[in-house]
Amino acid sequence: MKSIFLGLWLLLLCSAASGQISMEPETPQPPPTPEQIKAAAALPFRDASLSIEQRVNDLVSRLTLEEKVAQTLDRATAIPRLDIPAYNWSFQHSGIRSLEFT
């Protein structure tokens, strides 16, 4: 269940990240190369014709343990090899207060 939530969260971030501006992440990551962007675009988790479950399972299976843990923090670093942007989010007692992409 936790991996599905994390995967859905990352999938939403990937879909909504373009064009958003935010504060710099604590650990700057190099931007993805054109080759990485092209390769990531062809991965199953980017294929909107697949079910959410298939896309989430594919994305989560591609993340290393360190990447999964990093995505649970309020300032998640980018994962250039999958073309996943860095982002900053915070919670209030009632839910997510803000979501900023870098």
N, C-alpha and C. Protein backbone atom coordinates (compact mmCIF):
# COMPACT_ATOMS: atom_id res chain seq x y z
N MET A 1 0.82 -1.19 0.00
CA MET A 1 0.00 0.00 0.00
C MET A 1 0.87 1.26 0.00
N LYS A 2 1.92 1.27 0.83
CA LYS A 2 2.80 2.42 0.88
C LYS A 2 3.49 2.65 -0.46
N SER A 3 3.91 1.57 -1.11
CA SER A 3 4.59 1.72 -2.40
C SER A 3 3.62 2.24 -3.46
N ILE A 4 2.37 1.87 -3.38
CA ILE A 4 1.39 2.40 -4.35
C ILE A 4 1.19 3.89 -4.12
N PHE A 5 1.09 4.31 -2.85
CA PHE A 5 0.95 5.73 -2.56
C PHE A 5 2.17 6.50 -3.06
N LEU A 6 3.35 6.01 -2.77
CA LEU A 6 4.58 6.67 -3.22
C LEU A 6 4.62 6.73 -4.74
N GLY A 7 4.28 5.65 -5.38
CA GLY A 7 4.28 5.61 -6.84
C GLY A 7 3.28 6.57 -7.44
N LEU A 8 2.08 6.61 -6.88
CA LEU A 8 1.07 7.55 -7.37
C LEU A 8 1.54 8.99 -7.20
N TRP A 9 2.13 9.25 -6.05
CA TRP A 9 2.64 10.58 -5.76
C TRP A 9 3.70 10.96 -6.79
N LEU A 10 4.65 10.06 -7.04
CA LEU A 10 5.69 10.35 -8.02
C LEU A 10 5.13 10.49 -9.42
N LEU A 11 4.16 9.66 -9.74
CA LEU A 11 3.54 9.74 -11.06
C LEU A 11 2.86 11.09 -11.26
N LEU A 12 2.17 11.56 -10.25
CA LEU A 12 1.54 12.87 -10.33
C LEU A 12 2.57 13.98 -10.46
N LEU A 13 3.66 13.85 -9.73
CA LEU A 13 4.72 14.85 -9.80
C LEU A 13 5.34 14.90 -11.18
N CYS A 14 5.58 13.74 -11.75
CA CYS A 14 6.15 13.67 -13.10
C CYS A 14 5.24 14.34 -14.10
N SER A 15 3.95 14.15 -13.94
CA SER A 15 2.98 14.69 -14.88
C SER A 15 2.82 16.20 -14.74
N ALA A 16 2.99 16.71 -13.53
CA ALA A 16 2.69 18.12 -13.28
C ALA A 16 3.91 19.01 -13.15
N ALA A 17 5.11 18.47 -13.23
CA ALA A 17 6.31 19.21 -12.88
C ALA A 17 6.76 20.27 -13.88
N SER A 18 6.48 20.12 -15.12
CA SER A 18 7.03 21.04 -16.11
C SER A 18 6.52 22.46 -15.90
N GLY A 19 7.46 23.39 -15.92
CA GLY A 19 7.11 24.80 -15.82
C GLY A 19 6.95 25.34 -14.41
N GLN A 20 7.09 24.56 -13.41
CA GLN A 20 6.92 25.03 -12.04
C GLN A 20 8.26 25.53 -11.50
N ILE A 21 8.21 26.52 -10.61
CA ILE A 21 9.42 27.13 -10.06
C ILE A 21 9.36 27.05 -8.54
N SER A 22 10.53 26.84 -7.91
CA SER A 22 10.58 26.75 -6.46
C SER A 22 11.97 27.09 -5.96
N MET A 23 12.16 26.91 -4.67
CA MET A 23 13.47 27.10 -4.05
C MET A 23 14.40 25.98 -4.51
N GLU A 24 15.70 26.25 -4.42
CA GLU A 24 16.70 25.25 -4.80
C GLU A 24 16.65 24.09 -3.82
N PRO A 25 16.81 22.85 -4.28
CA PRO A 25 16.89 21.73 -3.36
C PRO A 25 18.18 21.80 -2.56
N GLU A 26 18.20 21.15 -1.42
CA GLU A 26 19.39 21.18 -0.57
C GLU A 26 20.59 20.57 -1.27
N THR A 27 20.40 19.51 -2.02
CA THR A 27 21.46 18.87 -2.76
C THR A 27 21.15 18.98 -4.25
N PRO A 28 21.73 19.99 -4.91
CA PRO A 28 21.41 20.15 -6.34
C PRO A 28 21.83 18.93 -7.14
N GLN A 29 20.98 18.54 -8.05
CA GLN A 29 21.25 17.42 -8.95
C GLN A 29 21.43 17.97 -10.35
N PRO A 30 22.26 17.33 -11.14
CA PRO A 30 22.38 17.80 -12.52
C PRO A 30 21.08 17.57 -13.27
N PRO A 31 20.78 18.43 -14.23
CA PRO A 31 19.56 18.20 -15.00
C PRO A 31 19.70 16.93 -15.83
N PRO A 32 18.58 16.32 -16.18
CA PRO A 32 18.68 15.12 -17.00
C PRO A 32 19.24 15.45 -18.38
N THR A 33 19.99 14.53 -18.91
CA THR A 33 20.55 14.71 -20.26
C THR A 33 19.45 14.44 -21.28
N PRO A 34 19.62 14.90 -22.50
CA PRO A 34 18.63 14.58 -23.53
C PRO A 34 18.42 13.06 -23.69
N GLU A 35 19.49 12.30 -23.53
CA GLU A 35 19.37 10.84 -23.63
C GLU A 35 18.52 10.28 -22.50
N GLN A 36 18.71 10.80 -21.28
CA GLN A 36 17.92 10.34 -20.14
C GLN A 36 16.44 10.71 -20.32
N ILE A 37 16.18 11.90 -20.82
CA ILE A 37 14.79 12.32 -21.03
C ILE A 37 14.13 11.41 -22.07
N LYS A 38 14.84 11.14 -23.15
CA LYS A 38 14.29 10.29 -24.20
C LYS A 38 14.05 8.88 -23.68
N ALA A 39 15.02 8.34 -22.92
CA ALA A 39 14.88 6.98 -22.38
C ALA A 39 13.73 6.91 -21.37
N ALA A 40 13.61 7.92 -20.50
CA ALA A 40 12.55 7.92 -19.49
C ALA A 40 11.18 8.04 -20.14
N ALA A 41 11.08 8.78 -21.22
CA ALA A 41 9.78 8.96 -21.90
C ALA A 41 9.24 7.65 -22.45
N ALA A 42 10.14 6.71 -22.72
CA ALA A 42 9.72 5.42 -23.28
C ALA A 42 9.41 4.37 -22.22
N LEU A 43 9.61 4.70 -20.95
CA LEU A 43 9.38 3.72 -19.88
C LEU A 43 7.89 3.53 -19.63
N PRO A 44 7.51 2.33 -19.17
CA PRO A 44 6.09 2.04 -18.94
C PRO A 44 5.40 3.00 -17.96
N PHE A 45 6.09 3.51 -16.95
CA PHE A 45 5.40 4.39 -16.00
C PHE A 45 4.97 5.71 -16.63
N ARG A 46 5.46 6.03 -17.81
CA ARG A 46 5.04 7.23 -18.54
C ARG A 46 3.94 6.93 -19.57
N ASP A 47 3.57 5.67 -19.71
CA ASP A 47 2.60 5.26 -20.72
C ASP A 47 1.18 5.38 -20.17
N ALA A 48 0.47 6.41 -20.60
CA ALA A 48 -0.88 6.68 -20.08
C ALA A 48 -1.89 5.61 -20.49
N SER A 49 -1.55 4.74 -21.43
CA SER A 49 -2.49 3.69 -21.83
C SER A 49 -2.49 2.52 -20.85
N LEU A 50 -1.49 2.44 -19.98
CA LEU A 50 -1.43 1.39 -18.97
C LEU A 50 -2.25 1.79 -17.75
N SER A 51 -2.62 0.80 -16.95
CA SER A 51 -3.37 1.10 -15.73
C SER A 51 -2.45 1.80 -14.72
N ILE A 52 -3.06 2.52 -13.79
CA ILE A 52 -2.29 3.19 -12.73
C ILE A 52 -1.46 2.17 -11.97
N GLU A 53 -2.05 1.02 -11.66
CA GLU A 53 -1.32 -0.01 -10.92
C GLU A 53 -0.08 -0.47 -11.68
N GLN A 54 -0.20 -0.68 -12.98
CA GLN A 54 0.96 -1.10 -13.78
C GLN A 54 2.03 0.00 -13.79
N ARG A 55 1.59 1.23 -13.94
CA ARG A 55 2.53 2.35 -13.99
C ARG A 55 3.23 2.54 -12.65
N VAL A 56 2.48 2.45 -11.56
CA VAL A 56 3.07 2.59 -10.22
C VAL A 56 4.05 1.46 -9.95
N ASN A 57 3.66 0.24 -10.24
CA ASN A 57 4.56 -0.90 -10.02
C ASN A 57 5.84 -0.75 -10.81
N ASP A 58 5.74 -0.29 -12.05
CA ASP A 58 6.93 -0.10 -12.87
C ASP A 58 7.84 0.96 -12.28
N LEU A 59 7.25 2.11 -11.91
CA LEU A 59 8.06 3.20 -11.36
C LEU A 59 8.74 2.79 -10.06
N VAL A 60 7.98 2.23 -9.15
CA VAL A 60 8.54 1.86 -7.85
C VAL A 60 9.63 0.79 -8.01
N SER A 61 9.45 -0.12 -8.96
CA SER A 61 10.46 -1.16 -9.17
C SER A 61 11.77 -0.59 -9.71
N ARG A 62 11.73 0.58 -10.33
CA ARG A 62 12.92 1.20 -10.90
C ARG A 62 13.69 2.04 -9.89
N LEU A 63 13.06 2.40 -8.78
CA LEU A 63 13.71 3.22 -7.77
C LEU A 63 14.61 2.38 -6.87
N THR A 64 15.76 2.93 -6.54
CA THR A 64 16.62 2.27 -5.56
C THR A 64 16.04 2.54 -4.17
N LEU A 65 16.50 1.81 -3.19
CA LEU A 65 16.04 2.03 -1.81
C LEU A 65 16.33 3.48 -1.39
N GLU A 66 17.50 3.98 -1.72
CA GLU A 66 17.87 5.35 -1.36
C GLU A 66 16.93 6.37 -2.02
N GLU A 67 16.56 6.12 -3.27
CA GLU A 67 15.65 7.02 -3.97
C GLU A 67 14.26 6.98 -3.35
N LYS A 68 13.80 5.80 -2.95
CA LYS A 68 12.49 5.69 -2.31
C LYS A 68 12.47 6.46 -1.00
N VAL A 69 13.52 6.31 -0.21
CA VAL A 69 13.60 7.01 1.07
C VAL A 69 13.65 8.52 0.83
N ALA A 70 14.45 8.95 -0.14
CA ALA A 70 14.58 10.39 -0.42
C ALA A 70 13.25 11.00 -0.82
N GLN A 71 12.38 10.23 -1.47
CA GLN A 71 11.08 10.75 -1.91
C GLN A 71 10.11 10.94 -0.75
N THR A 72 10.43 10.42 0.43
CA THR A 72 9.55 10.60 1.59
C THR A 72 9.88 11.87 2.37
N LEU A 73 10.95 12.55 2.01
CA LEU A 73 11.36 13.77 2.71
C LEU A 73 10.64 14.98 2.12
N ASP A 74 10.63 16.09 2.88
CA ASP A 74 9.94 17.28 2.38
C ASP A 74 10.66 17.95 1.22
N ARG A 75 11.94 17.72 1.09
CA ARG A 75 12.71 18.24 -0.05
C ARG A 75 13.30 17.05 -0.78
N ALA A 76 12.59 16.56 -1.74
CA ALA A 76 13.04 15.39 -2.49
C ALA A 76 13.93 15.82 -3.65
N THR A 77 15.06 15.17 -3.77
CA THR A 77 15.98 15.49 -4.85
C THR A 77 15.49 14.88 -6.16
N ALA A 78 15.98 15.41 -7.24
CA ALA A 78 15.63 14.91 -8.57
C ALA A 78 16.21 13.52 -8.79
N ILE A 79 15.58 12.79 -9.69
CA ILE A 79 16.10 11.50 -10.14
C ILE A 79 16.27 11.64 -11.65
N PRO A 80 17.42 12.20 -12.08
CA PRO A 80 17.61 12.52 -13.49
C PRO A 80 17.47 11.31 -14.43
N ARG A 81 17.90 10.14 -14.01
CA ARG A 81 17.85 8.98 -14.90
C ARG A 81 16.43 8.58 -15.25
N LEU A 82 15.44 9.00 -14.42
CA LEU A 82 14.03 8.73 -14.70
C LEU A 82 13.29 10.01 -15.07
N ASP A 83 14.01 11.11 -15.18
CA ASP A 83 13.44 12.42 -15.50
C ASP A 83 12.36 12.81 -14.49
N ILE A 84 12.65 12.58 -13.21
CA ILE A 84 11.75 12.98 -12.12
C ILE A 84 12.36 14.22 -11.48
N PRO A 85 11.61 15.33 -11.44
CA PRO A 85 12.16 16.58 -10.91
C PRO A 85 12.26 16.58 -9.39
N ALA A 86 13.13 17.46 -8.89
CA ALA A 86 13.18 17.71 -7.45
C ALA A 86 11.92 18.46 -7.06
N TYR A 87 11.50 18.31 -5.82
CA TYR A 87 10.33 19.07 -5.35
C TYR A 87 10.41 19.29 -3.86
N ASN A 88 9.62 20.24 -3.40
CA ASN A 88 9.56 20.61 -1.99
C ASN A 88 8.09 20.64 -1.59
N TRP A 89 7.73 19.92 -0.55
CA TRP A 89 6.35 19.93 -0.07
C TRP A 89 6.36 19.93 1.45
N SER A 90 5.25 20.35 2.03
CA SER A 90 5.14 20.33 3.49
C SER A 90 3.71 20.00 3.88
N PHE A 91 3.57 19.45 5.07
CA PHE A 91 2.25 19.07 5.59
C PHE A 91 1.80 20.01 6.69
N GLN A 92 0.51 20.22 6.75
CA GLN A 92 -0.12 20.81 7.92
C GLN A 92 -0.94 19.68 8.53
N HIS A 93 -1.55 19.91 9.64
CA HIS A 93 -2.32 18.85 10.29
C HIS A 93 -3.47 18.37 9.41
N SER A 94 -3.92 19.21 8.46
CA SER A 94 -5.05 18.84 7.63
C SER A 94 -4.66 18.29 6.26
N GLY A 95 -3.35 18.24 5.97
CA GLY A 95 -2.93 17.72 4.67
C GLY A 95 -1.77 18.49 4.10
N ILE A 96 -1.61 18.42 2.80
CA ILE A 96 -0.49 19.10 2.16
C ILE A 96 -0.75 20.60 2.12
N ARG A 97 0.21 21.36 2.57
CA ARG A 97 0.09 22.80 2.59
C ARG A 97 0.59 23.41 1.28
N SER A 98 1.72 22.92 0.81
CA SER A 98 2.27 23.49 -0.42
C SER A 98 3.06 22.43 -1.16
N LEU A 99 3.18 22.63 -2.45
CA LEU A 99 3.96 21.74 -3.30
C LEU A 99 4.67 22.61 -4.30
N GLU A 100 6.00 22.58 -4.25
CA GLU A 100 6.78 23.42 -5.14
C GLU A 100 7.75 22.55 -5.90
N PHE A 101 7.82 22.76 -7.21
CA PHE A 101 8.76 22.04 -8.04
C PHE A 101 9.96 22.92 -8.30
N THR A 102 11.11 22.30 -8.44
CA THR A 102 12.30 23.07 -8.76
C THR A 102 12.64 22.92 -10.22
